[in-house]
Amino acid sequence: MSAGTNLKICRKEGTTELTKDLLKWADQVFVMEQRHLAQIQKHTGSTYYSKINVLHIPDVFKYYDADLIELLEEKVGF
């Protein structure tokens, strides 16, 4: 688990590293679990806390899982 904060894991999984520049740029940041928020705060402190929304969705789904997409749509409302 890296919440995008571990470059090695991001490269292995083909995901985008969460950088301070991305956090500055974003209006909102959504994370699945509380532990993802904690991982981000470990690297950035409380600087971006107000932008981060914990969705309380267990991070157990495969990429593009239909059930995950449905949960995300319900929680985020896009």
Foldseek 3Di string as FASTA:
>chain_A
DQLLCDPVVCVVVVHHRDDVVNLVVDQAAEDAAPVSVVNVCVVVPCPSVVRYDHLPHDPPDDPPDVVVVVSCCVRVVD
